[in-house]
Amino acid sequence: MPYPNAIEVCRAELFTKDVELHEGYLDQKVEKVMCMREMYNQFIANPDGINCELVAEVSQRHCIDRMTAYSEFAVVKSFCPLSR
């Protein structure tokens, strides 16, 4: 049985409780969901904000490179109702 990729997990589990995430997934996937949840919440709170500021903050807080953060931010925006 193939494991779901991180994006599939994030789409399905973005608002799942942390405890339930830890029960069902490895820590690496849980951290990815938490990072993308933070991006989603920041985008919802400030949809007119500057993308580079959001990306810089998240990349620093979660120790990910900016290119990865920009990619993940694009995914977050794709399933955010405000960006449609």
C-alpha atoms as a PDB file:
ATOM      1  CA  MET A   1       0.000   0.000   0.000  1.00  0.00           C
ATOM      2  CA  PRO A   2       1.590   3.318  -1.019  1.00  0.00           C
ATOM      3  CA  TYR A   3       1.928   6.050   1.559  1.00  0.00           C
ATOM      4  CA  PRO A   4       0.169   9.348   0.798  1.00  0.00           C
ATOM      5  CA  ASN A   5       2.455  12.201  -0.131  1.00  0.00           C
ATOM      6  CA  ALA A   6       2.697  15.265   2.108  1.00  0.00           C
ATOM      7  CA  ILE A   7       0.388  17.393  -0.033  1.00  0.00           C
ATOM      8  CA  GLU A   8      -2.340  14.724   0.031  1.00  0.00           C
ATOM      9  CA  VAL A   9      -2.005  14.501   3.805  1.00  0.00           C
ATOM     10  CA  CYS A  10      -2.199  18.288   4.136  1.00  0.00           C
ATOM     11  CA  ARG A  11      -5.310  18.494   1.970  1.00  0.00           C
ATOM     12  CA  ALA A  12      -7.046  15.757   3.946  1.00  0.00           C
ATOM     13  CA  GLU A  13      -5.801  16.599   7.427  1.00  0.00           C
ATOM     14  CA  LEU A  14      -5.233  20.374   7.504  1.00  0.00           C
ATOM     15  CA  PHE A  15      -7.615  20.880  10.433  1.00  0.00           C
ATOM     16  CA  THR A  16      -7.218  17.540  12.188  1.00  0.00           C
ATOM     17  CA  LYS A  17      -6.269  17.771  15.858  1.00  0.00           C
ATOM     18  CA  ASP A  18      -2.550  17.503  16.568  1.00  0.00           C
ATOM     19  CA  VAL A  19      -2.997  14.408  18.740  1.00  0.00           C
ATOM     20  CA  GLU A  20      -4.829  12.586  15.952  1.00  0.00           C
ATOM     21  CA  LEU A  21      -2.140  13.556  13.436  1.00  0.00           C
ATOM     22  CA  HIS A  22       0.569  12.072  15.666  1.00  0.00           C
ATOM     23  CA  GLU A  23      -1.446   8.877  15.980  1.00  0.00           C
ATOM     24  CA  GLY A  24      -1.750   8.418  12.230  1.00  0.00           C
ATOM     25  CA  TYR A  25       1.416   9.861  10.686  1.00  0.00           C
ATOM     26  CA  LEU A  26       5.150  10.109  11.133  1.00  0.00           C
ATOM     27  CA  ASP A  27       6.522  13.259  12.763  1.00  0.00           C
ATOM     28  CA  GLN A  28       7.837  14.569   9.439  1.00  0.00           C
ATOM     29  CA  LYS A  29       4.346  14.583   7.899  1.00  0.00           C
ATOM     30  CA  VAL A  30       2.835  16.067  11.042  1.00  0.00           C
ATOM     31  CA  GLU A  31       5.361  18.923  10.903  1.00  0.00           C
ATOM     32  CA  LYS A  32       4.483  19.533   7.237  1.00  0.00           C
ATOM     33  CA  VAL A  33       0.772  19.715   8.077  1.00  0.00           C
ATOM     34  CA  MET A  34       1.485  22.103  10.952  1.00  0.00           C
ATOM     35  CA  CYS A  35       3.581  24.342   8.700  1.00  0.00           C
ATOM     36  CA  MET A  36       0.953  24.449   5.980  1.00  0.00           C
ATOM     37  CA  ARG A  37      -1.789  25.024   8.550  1.00  0.00           C
ATOM     38  CA  GLU A  38       0.150  28.027   9.811  1.00  0.00           C
ATOM     39  CA  MET A  39       0.480  29.351   6.246  1.00  0.00           C
ATOM     40  CA  TYR A  40      -3.232  28.843   5.662  1.00  0.00           C
ATOM     41  CA  ASN A  41      -4.191  30.637   8.859  1.00  0.00           C
ATOM     42  CA  GLN A  42      -1.868  33.553   8.112  1.00  0.00           C
ATOM     43  CA  PHE A  43      -3.218  33.845   4.588  1.00  0.00           C
ATOM     44  CA  ILE A  44      -6.831  33.793   5.827  1.00  0.00           C
ATOM     45  CA  ALA A  45      -6.021  36.412   8.459  1.00  0.00           C
ATOM     46  CA  ASN A  46      -4.262  38.676   5.960  1.00  0.00           C
ATOM     47  CA  PRO A  47      -5.195  37.803   2.353  1.00  0.00           C
ATOM     48  CA  ASP A  48      -3.819  41.101   1.045  1.00  0.00           C
ATOM     49  CA  GLY A  49      -0.498  40.606   2.828  1.00  0.00           C
ATOM     50  CA  ILE A  50       2.811  40.447   1.055  1.00  0.00           C
ATOM     51  CA  ASN A  51       3.655  36.858   0.096  1.00  0.00           C
ATOM     52  CA  CYS A  52       7.402  37.263   0.634  1.00  0.00           C
ATOM     53  CA  GLU A  53       6.881  38.373   4.245  1.00  0.00           C
ATOM     54  CA  LEU A  54       4.693  35.375   5.009  1.00  0.00           C
ATOM     55  CA  VAL A  55       7.139  33.025   3.316  1.00  0.00           C
ATOM     56  CA  ALA A  56      10.127  34.529   5.147  1.00  0.00           C
ATOM     57  CA  GLU A  57       8.437  34.146   8.512  1.00  0.00           C
ATOM     58  CA  VAL A  58       7.307  30.568   7.924  1.00  0.00           C
ATOM     59  CA  SER A  59      10.628  29.480   6.428  1.00  0.00           C
ATOM     60  CA  GLN A  60      12.483  30.833   9.441  1.00  0.00           C
ATOM     61  CA  ARG A  61      10.072  29.415  12.006  1.00  0.00           C
ATOM     62  CA  HIS A  62       9.997  25.935  10.428  1.00  0.00           C
ATOM     63  CA  CYS A  63      13.608  25.858   9.185  1.00  0.00           C
ATOM     64  CA  ILE A  64      12.727  25.305   5.537  1.00  0.00           C
ATOM     65  CA  ASP A  65      14.280  26.990   2.536  1.00  0.00           C
ATOM     66  CA  ARG A  66      12.376  29.786   0.848  1.00  0.00           C
ATOM     67  CA  MET A  67      11.889  27.906  -2.410  1.00  0.00           C
ATOM     68  CA  THR A  68      10.111  25.114  -0.526  1.00  0.00           C
ATOM     69  CA  ALA A  69       8.088  27.660   1.425  1.00  0.00           C
ATOM     70  CA  TYR A  70       6.982  29.400  -1.793  1.00  0.00           C
ATOM     71  CA  SER A  71       5.947  26.030  -3.280  1.00  0.00           C
ATOM     72  CA  GLU A  72       3.965  25.133  -0.193  1.00  0.00           C
ATOM     73  CA  PHE A  73       2.399  28.582  -0.071  1.00  0.00           C
ATOM     74  CA  ALA A  74       1.176  28.125  -3.641  1.00  0.00           C
ATOM     75  CA  VAL A  75      -0.439  24.835  -2.612  1.00  0.00           C
ATOM     76  CA  VAL A  76      -2.025  26.473   0.418  1.00  0.00           C
ATOM     77  CA  LYS A  77      -3.452  29.224  -1.756  1.00  0.00           C
ATOM     78  CA  SER A  78      -4.844  26.619  -4.169  1.00  0.00           C
ATOM     79  CA  PHE A  79      -7.131  25.162  -1.505  1.00  0.00           C
ATOM     80  CA  CYS A  80      -7.987  28.455   0.166  1.00  0.00           C
ATOM     81  CA  PRO A  81     -11.458  29.820  -0.635  1.00  0.00           C
ATOM     82  CA  LEU A  82     -10.204  33.432  -0.540  1.00  0.00           C
ATOM     83  CA  SER A  83      -7.871  32.935  -3.487  1.00  0.00           C
ATOM     84  CA  ARG A  84     -10.544  31.710  -5.914  1.00  0.00           C
END
